[in-house]
Amino acid sequence: MRPRAAREERTPILVVDDDPHARRHVRDALAAAGYAQAATGEPGQVSRLVEAKHPLWCCWTWCCRAPTASS
């Protein structure tokens, strides 16, 4: 059975990741499962996308920088 959102107008899941390959993998998996998606690699776009797309959920897999010697 497809998710309810797939049967109606689909509410997107927002994917946020700085790695374009990871972002594409998550988007492809969501599309294959019947979900709409919105995606960005820029954290500054998140609030605009949330307001515009009203996502059902946000998948944020942003990687943190490793600490440096000066940290």
N, C-alpha and C. Protein backbone atom coordinates (compact mmCIF):
# COMPACT_ATOMS: atom_id res chain seq x y z
N MET A 1 0.84 -1.18 0.00
CA MET A 1 0.00 0.00 0.00
C MET A 1 0.89 1.24 0.00
N ARG A 2 0.58 2.18 -0.84
CA ARG A 2 1.33 3.43 -0.93
C ARG A 2 0.97 4.34 0.24
N PRO A 3 1.92 5.17 0.67
CA PRO A 3 1.60 6.13 1.74
C PRO A 3 0.41 6.99 1.36
N ARG A 4 -0.34 7.42 2.38
CA ARG A 4 -1.54 8.23 2.13
C ARG A 4 -1.20 9.45 1.29
N ALA A 5 -0.06 10.08 1.56
CA ALA A 5 0.33 11.28 0.81
C ALA A 5 0.51 10.99 -0.67
N ALA A 6 0.85 9.75 -1.02
CA ALA A 6 1.04 9.40 -2.43
C ALA A 6 -0.30 9.30 -3.16
N ARG A 7 -1.36 8.98 -2.43
CA ARG A 7 -2.68 8.85 -3.06
C ARG A 7 -3.32 10.20 -3.26
N GLU A 8 -2.99 11.17 -2.43
CA GLU A 8 -3.54 12.51 -2.53
C GLU A 8 -2.44 13.41 -3.07
N GLU A 9 -2.64 14.71 -2.97
CA GLU A 9 -1.55 15.62 -3.30
C GLU A 9 -0.45 15.37 -2.29
N ARG A 10 0.72 15.07 -2.78
CA ARG A 10 1.79 14.61 -1.89
C ARG A 10 2.48 15.76 -1.18
N THR A 11 2.56 15.67 0.14
CA THR A 11 3.31 16.61 0.95
C THR A 11 4.76 16.15 0.92
N PRO A 12 5.69 17.03 0.62
CA PRO A 12 7.07 16.58 0.49
C PRO A 12 7.78 16.34 1.82
N ILE A 13 8.80 15.55 1.73
CA ILE A 13 9.76 15.38 2.82
C ILE A 13 10.97 16.20 2.42
N LEU A 14 11.44 17.03 3.31
CA LEU A 14 12.57 17.91 3.04
C LEU A 14 13.87 17.19 3.37
N VAL A 15 14.76 17.12 2.40
CA VAL A 15 16.06 16.48 2.56
C VAL A 15 17.12 17.57 2.56
N VAL A 16 17.93 17.62 3.62
CA VAL A 16 19.00 18.61 3.73
C VAL A 16 20.31 17.86 3.95
N ASP A 17 21.23 18.01 3.02
CA ASP A 17 22.52 17.34 3.14
C ASP A 17 23.55 18.10 2.34
N ASP A 18 24.75 18.23 2.87
CA ASP A 18 25.81 18.93 2.15
C ASP A 18 26.47 18.06 1.11
N ASP A 19 26.22 16.76 1.13
CA ASP A 19 26.80 15.83 0.16
C ASP A 19 25.78 15.58 -0.95
N PRO A 20 26.05 16.04 -2.18
CA PRO A 20 25.06 15.88 -3.25
C PRO A 20 24.76 14.41 -3.58
N HIS A 21 25.72 13.52 -3.39
CA HIS A 21 25.47 12.10 -3.66
C HIS A 21 24.53 11.51 -2.61
N ALA A 22 24.74 11.84 -1.35
CA ALA A 22 23.85 11.37 -0.29
C ALA A 22 22.45 11.94 -0.48
N ARG A 23 22.39 13.23 -0.83
CA ARG A 23 21.10 13.89 -1.05
C ARG A 23 20.34 13.20 -2.18
N ARG A 24 21.03 12.90 -3.26
CA ARG A 24 20.40 12.22 -4.39
C ARG A 24 19.93 10.82 -4.00
N HIS A 25 20.73 10.10 -3.22
CA HIS A 25 20.36 8.75 -2.78
C HIS A 25 19.07 8.79 -1.94
N VAL A 26 18.99 9.73 -1.02
CA VAL A 26 17.80 9.85 -0.18
C VAL A 26 16.59 10.25 -1.02
N ARG A 27 16.78 11.20 -1.93
CA ARG A 27 15.67 11.62 -2.80
C ARG A 27 15.18 10.47 -3.68
N ASP A 28 16.10 9.68 -4.22
CA ASP A 28 15.72 8.54 -5.06
C ASP A 28 14.94 7.50 -4.25
N ALA A 29 15.40 7.24 -3.02
CA ALA A 29 14.70 6.27 -2.17
C ALA A 29 13.29 6.77 -1.83
N LEU A 30 13.16 8.05 -1.53
CA LEU A 30 11.84 8.61 -1.23
C LEU A 30 10.92 8.54 -2.45
N ALA A 31 11.46 8.87 -3.62
CA ALA A 31 10.66 8.82 -4.85
C ALA A 31 10.21 7.39 -5.14
N ALA A 32 11.10 6.42 -4.95
CA ALA A 32 10.75 5.02 -5.19
C ALA A 32 9.66 4.54 -4.23
N ALA A 33 9.62 5.12 -3.03
CA ALA A 33 8.60 4.76 -2.05
C ALA A 33 7.30 5.55 -2.25
N GLY A 34 7.28 6.46 -3.23
CA GLY A 34 6.07 7.20 -3.52
C GLY A 34 5.94 8.54 -2.82
N TYR A 35 7.01 9.00 -2.21
CA TYR A 35 6.97 10.28 -1.52
C TYR A 35 7.46 11.41 -2.41
N ALA A 36 6.88 12.57 -2.25
CA ALA A 36 7.40 13.78 -2.89
C ALA A 36 8.57 14.24 -2.04
N GLN A 37 9.47 14.99 -2.62
CA GLN A 37 10.60 15.48 -1.85
C GLN A 37 11.02 16.85 -2.33
N ALA A 38 11.59 17.57 -1.40
CA ALA A 38 12.25 18.83 -1.68
C ALA A 38 13.64 18.65 -1.09
N ALA A 39 14.65 19.24 -1.69
CA ALA A 39 16.01 19.03 -1.20
C ALA A 39 16.85 20.27 -1.36
N THR A 40 17.83 20.39 -0.47
CA THR A 40 18.79 21.48 -0.56
C THR A 40 20.10 21.03 0.07
N GLY A 41 21.14 21.66 -0.36
CA GLY A 41 22.45 21.47 0.24
C GLY A 41 22.86 22.70 1.02
N GLU A 42 21.97 23.67 1.11
CA GLU A 42 22.26 24.94 1.78
C GLU A 42 21.36 25.11 3.00
N PRO A 43 21.95 25.12 4.20
CA PRO A 43 21.11 25.28 5.40
C PRO A 43 20.34 26.59 5.43
N GLY A 44 20.84 27.62 4.76
CA GLY A 44 20.15 28.90 4.72
C GLY A 44 18.84 28.86 3.95
N GLN A 45 18.61 27.81 3.16
CA GLN A 45 17.37 27.68 2.39
C GLN A 45 16.28 26.93 3.13
N VAL A 46 16.63 26.33 4.26
CA VAL A 46 15.67 25.47 4.97
C VAL A 46 14.41 26.22 5.37
N SER A 47 14.54 27.37 6.00
CA SER A 47 13.32 28.08 6.46
C SER A 47 12.44 28.47 5.28
N ARG A 48 13.04 28.90 4.16
CA ARG A 48 12.25 29.26 2.98
C ARG A 48 11.52 28.03 2.43
N LEU A 49 12.21 26.88 2.37
CA LEU A 49 11.58 25.67 1.86
C LEU A 49 10.48 25.16 2.79
N VAL A 50 10.69 25.28 4.09
CA VAL A 50 9.66 24.86 5.04
C VAL A 50 8.41 25.73 4.86
N GLU A 51 8.60 27.03 4.71
CA GLU A 51 7.44 27.92 4.51
C GLU A 51 6.75 27.67 3.17
N ALA A 52 7.53 27.42 2.13
CA ALA A 52 6.95 27.25 0.79
C ALA A 52 6.36 25.86 0.56
N LYS A 53 7.01 24.83 1.07
CA LYS A 53 6.61 23.45 0.76
C LYS A 53 5.82 22.77 1.86
N HIS A 54 5.87 23.29 3.09
CA HIS A 54 5.18 22.68 4.23
C HIS A 54 5.47 21.18 4.30
N PRO A 55 6.75 20.82 4.47
CA PRO A 55 7.10 19.39 4.44
C PRO A 55 6.51 18.63 5.62
N LEU A 56 6.26 17.37 5.36
CA LEU A 56 5.76 16.45 6.37
C LEU A 56 6.85 16.15 7.40
N TRP A 57 8.08 16.13 6.94
CA TRP A 57 9.21 15.75 7.78
C TRP A 57 10.48 16.33 7.17
N CYS A 58 11.50 16.51 7.96
CA CYS A 58 12.78 17.01 7.47
C CYS A 58 13.87 15.99 7.77
N CYS A 59 14.55 15.54 6.74
CA CYS A 59 15.65 14.60 6.88
C CYS A 59 16.94 15.41 6.75
N TRP A 60 17.57 15.72 7.86
CA TRP A 60 18.74 16.59 7.88
C TRP A 60 19.95 15.74 8.22
N THR A 61 20.84 15.52 7.27
CA THR A 61 22.00 14.67 7.50
C THR A 61 23.29 15.44 7.31
N TRP A 62 23.26 16.70 7.68
CA TRP A 62 24.42 17.56 7.52
C TRP A 62 25.58 17.03 8.34
N CYS A 63 26.75 16.95 7.74
CA CYS A 63 27.93 16.47 8.44
C CYS A 63 28.62 17.60 9.18
N CYS A 64 29.14 17.28 10.32
CA CYS A 64 29.88 18.28 11.10
C CYS A 64 31.36 18.21 10.72
N ARG A 65 32.00 19.36 10.74
CA ARG A 65 33.43 19.39 10.47
C ARG A 65 34.17 18.74 11.64
N ALA A 66 35.25 18.07 11.28
CA ALA A 66 36.10 17.48 12.32
C ALA A 66 36.80 18.62 13.06
N PRO A 67 37.01 18.44 14.36
CA PRO A 67 37.68 19.48 15.11
C PRO A 67 39.11 19.69 14.59
N THR A 68 39.56 20.91 14.63
CA THR A 68 40.93 21.21 14.20
C THR A 68 41.80 21.38 15.43
N ALA A 69 43.09 21.47 15.20
CA ALA A 69 44.04 21.62 16.31
C ALA A 69 43.77 22.89 17.10
N SER A 70 43.25 23.92 16.45
CA SER A 70 42.99 25.19 17.12
C SER A 70 41.65 25.20 17.87
N SER A 71 40.85 24.14 17.72
CA SER A 71 39.52 24.10 18.38
C SER A 71 39.65 23.74 19.84
